[in-house]
Amino acid sequence: MNIVLIGYRGTGKSEVGALLSQRLSMPCIGMDAEIVKRAGCSIPQIVEKQGWQGFRDAESALALELAGRDNLVIDTGGGLIERPDNMAALKKNGRVFWLTASVDTIVSRIQTDTQRPSLTAGKSFTDEVAEVLARRIPLYRAAAHHEIATDGLSPAQVAYTIATLLQERSGRPT
């Protein structure tokens, strides 16, 4: 079984994934980082060359590949959820944890990030986060087995919560 972390960027998926990887002795695959590694260029460069469609196609191919593997912590990109086939594949062999945060928390965590091009033209950063998050919330909710609000929690606290939920489900200590 894989552990799949979903949520908007800035909710802590990458840090929590790394901590879970250490705690559970499972490899962690950061999907965005893996796409960048395979493409040999940054996400803004991928989007510039191939458009968002090209990036999403690479993301879908990787989701399908990872769904066929076992005992991974998978740190997904925030937009993976926008293609239903991605989550259908990952849920077949994965427990899905949706990490949430308020718009203010997300903005404070990612406002200096230059690794993602804008998703909505002509909007302020806060308005973009609010708009995209509002569109994605029903998708995250429908895909998740568990929802964890990360506002005010450290990545270690979130990882502990996930490990506890997994232990309760399996009956084995984690």
Protein backbone atom coordinates (compact mmCIF):
# COMPACT_ATOMS: atom_id res chain seq x y z
CA MET A 1 0.00 0.00 0.00
CA ASN A 2 1.17 3.51 -0.85
CA ILE A 3 0.60 6.67 1.15
CA VAL A 4 -0.64 9.42 -1.16
CA LEU A 5 -0.48 13.05 -0.04
CA ILE A 6 -2.76 15.48 -1.87
CA GLY A 7 -3.55 19.16 -1.34
CA TYR A 8 -2.80 22.62 -2.59
CA ARG A 9 0.85 23.65 -2.65
CA GLY A 10 1.96 25.08 0.65
CA THR A 11 -0.03 22.61 2.73
CA GLY A 12 3.11 20.68 3.70
CA LYS A 13 3.05 17.65 1.41
CA SER A 14 6.77 17.62 0.62
CA GLU A 15 7.99 18.07 4.19
CA VAL A 16 5.44 15.64 5.60
CA GLY A 17 6.30 13.12 2.87
CA ALA A 18 9.99 13.27 3.77
CA LEU A 19 9.22 12.77 7.47
CA LEU A 20 6.87 9.84 6.77
CA SER A 21 9.53 8.31 4.54
CA GLN A 22 12.01 8.35 7.42
CA ARG A 23 9.52 7.23 10.05
CA LEU A 24 8.06 4.36 8.02
CA SER A 25 11.23 3.39 6.09
CA MET A 26 9.42 3.88 2.78
CA PRO A 27 10.82 5.73 -0.22
CA CYS A 28 9.20 9.11 -0.88
CA ILE A 29 8.58 10.24 -4.43
CA GLY A 30 7.90 13.94 -4.87
CA MET A 31 6.01 13.97 -8.15
CA ASP A 32 6.89 17.56 -9.09
CA ALA A 33 10.57 16.94 -8.32
CA GLU A 34 10.52 13.71 -10.33
CA ILE A 35 8.94 15.46 -13.33
CA VAL A 36 11.58 18.22 -13.15
CA LYS A 37 14.36 15.61 -12.92
CA ARG A 38 13.06 13.67 -15.92
CA ALA A 39 12.46 16.80 -18.01
CA GLY A 40 15.83 18.29 -17.14
CA CYS A 41 14.27 21.70 -16.55
CA SER A 42 12.08 23.58 -14.06
CA ILE A 43 8.28 23.53 -14.01
CA PRO A 44 8.08 27.10 -15.40
CA GLN A 45 10.35 25.97 -18.27
CA ILE A 46 8.22 22.86 -18.89
CA VAL A 47 5.08 25.01 -18.99
CA GLU A 48 6.77 27.55 -21.26
CA LYS A 49 7.81 24.83 -23.72
CA GLN A 50 4.81 22.47 -23.52
CA GLY A 51 2.05 24.47 -21.84
CA TRP A 52 0.16 23.31 -18.77
CA GLN A 53 -1.28 20.46 -20.86
CA GLY A 54 2.22 19.06 -21.42
CA PHE A 55 3.04 19.30 -17.74
CA ARG A 56 -0.26 17.63 -16.79
CA ASP A 57 0.39 14.85 -19.32
CA ALA A 58 3.77 14.13 -17.69
CA GLU A 59 2.08 14.21 -14.28
CA SER A 60 -0.58 11.72 -15.41
CA ALA A 61 2.01 9.34 -16.86
CA LEU A 62 3.96 9.44 -13.59
CA ALA A 63 0.80 8.88 -11.50
CA LEU A 64 0.02 5.77 -13.53
CA GLU A 65 3.60 4.53 -13.13
CA LEU A 66 3.63 5.09 -9.35
CA ALA A 67 0.22 3.48 -8.93
CA GLY A 68 1.81 0.24 -10.12
CA ARG A 69 4.42 0.32 -7.35
CA ASP A 70 4.05 -0.49 -3.66
CA ASN A 71 5.20 0.86 -0.28
CA LEU A 72 5.82 4.42 -1.42
CA VAL A 73 5.04 7.78 0.09
CA ILE A 74 3.79 9.82 -2.87
CA ASP A 75 3.89 13.61 -2.58
CA THR A 76 1.62 14.74 -5.40
CA GLY A 77 1.48 18.09 -7.11
CA GLY A 78 -1.46 20.27 -6.12
CA GLY A 79 -3.11 20.05 -9.53
CA LEU A 80 -2.89 16.27 -9.92
CA ILE A 81 -6.46 16.14 -8.67
CA GLU A 82 -7.80 17.93 -11.74
CA ARG A 83 -7.63 14.76 -13.82
CA PRO A 84 -9.90 12.10 -12.28
CA ASP A 85 -7.92 9.24 -13.82
CA ASN A 86 -4.87 10.26 -11.75
CA MET A 87 -6.65 9.74 -8.45
CA ALA A 88 -8.45 6.62 -9.64
CA ALA A 89 -5.06 5.06 -10.40
CA LEU A 90 -3.39 6.16 -7.17
CA LYS A 91 -6.32 5.09 -4.97
CA LYS A 92 -6.17 1.48 -6.22
CA ASN A 93 -3.11 0.82 -4.07
CA GLY A 94 -2.99 3.90 -1.87
CA ARG A 95 -4.36 5.53 1.23
CA VAL A 96 -5.05 9.18 0.38
CA PHE A 97 -4.41 11.97 2.89
CA TRP A 98 -5.63 15.45 2.00
CA LEU A 99 -3.55 18.15 3.67
CA THR A 100 -5.49 21.39 4.00
CA ALA A 101 -4.70 24.95 5.02
CA SER A 102 -6.48 28.29 4.88
CA VAL A 103 -5.81 30.69 2.01
CA ASP A 104 -3.90 33.00 4.39
CA THR A 105 -1.70 30.14 5.60
CA ILE A 106 -1.02 28.96 2.04
CA VAL A 107 -0.15 32.47 0.86
CA SER A 108 2.20 33.01 3.80
CA ARG A 109 3.96 29.71 3.08
CA ILE A 110 4.40 30.04 -0.70
CA GLN A 111 4.37 33.73 -1.60
CA THR A 112 8.10 33.72 -2.36
CA ASP A 113 8.00 30.51 -4.44
CA THR A 114 9.12 31.17 -8.01
CA GLN A 115 8.97 27.55 -9.16
CA ARG A 116 5.35 27.71 -10.38
CA PRO A 117 3.92 29.92 -13.10
CA SER A 118 0.57 31.59 -12.53
CA LEU A 119 -2.54 29.46 -12.93
CA THR A 120 -4.88 32.43 -13.42
CA ALA A 121 -3.96 35.46 -15.47
CA GLY A 122 -4.42 38.97 -14.12
CA LYS A 123 -5.26 38.08 -10.51
CA SER A 124 -3.43 38.92 -7.31
CA PHE A 125 -1.54 36.02 -5.76
CA THR A 126 -4.06 35.73 -2.91
CA ASP A 127 -7.01 35.86 -5.32
CA GLU A 128 -5.39 33.16 -7.47
CA VAL A 129 -4.90 30.86 -4.47
CA ALA A 130 -8.49 31.42 -3.32
CA GLU A 131 -9.94 30.83 -6.79
CA VAL A 132 -7.96 27.69 -7.60
CA LEU A 133 -8.42 26.28 -4.11
CA ALA A 134 -12.20 26.81 -4.27
CA ARG A 135 -12.31 24.92 -7.58
CA ARG A 136 -10.20 22.04 -6.26
CA ILE A 137 -11.70 21.54 -2.77
CA PRO A 138 -14.56 19.28 -3.96
CA LEU A 139 -12.06 17.20 -5.93
CA TYR A 140 -9.69 16.83 -2.96
CA ARG A 141 -12.59 15.97 -0.67
CA ALA A 142 -13.95 13.30 -3.03
CA ALA A 143 -10.53 11.65 -3.39
CA ALA A 144 -9.40 11.65 0.23
CA HIS A 145 -9.65 8.89 2.78
CA HIS A 146 -8.55 11.36 5.47
CA GLU A 147 -8.46 15.17 5.76
CA ILE A 148 -5.84 16.86 7.94
CA ALA A 149 -5.82 20.62 8.57
CA THR A 150 -2.19 21.73 8.71
CA ASP A 151 -2.77 25.31 9.91
CA GLY A 152 -0.80 25.76 13.12
CA LEU A 153 0.78 22.28 12.96
CA SER A 154 4.39 21.45 12.29
CA PRO A 155 5.20 18.96 9.54
CA ALA A 156 6.26 16.52 12.30
CA GLN A 157 2.83 16.81 13.94
CA VAL A 158 1.10 16.15 10.62
CA ALA A 159 3.35 13.14 9.93
CA TYR A 160 2.59 11.81 13.41
CA THR A 161 -1.15 12.19 12.77
CA ILE A 162 -0.88 10.26 9.51
CA ALA A 163 1.23 7.51 11.10
CA THR A 164 -1.34 7.21 13.90
CA LEU A 165 -4.21 6.93 11.41
CA LEU A 166 -2.31 4.24 9.51
CA GLN A 167 -1.62 2.35 12.74
CA GLU A 168 -5.29 2.48 13.73
CA ARG A 169 -6.25 1.13 10.32
CA SER A 170 -3.67 -1.68 10.30
CA GLY A 171 -3.46 -2.46 13.99
CA ARG A 172 0.35 -2.42 13.72
CA PRO A 173 2.66 0.10 15.37
CA THR A 174 4.24 2.61 12.99
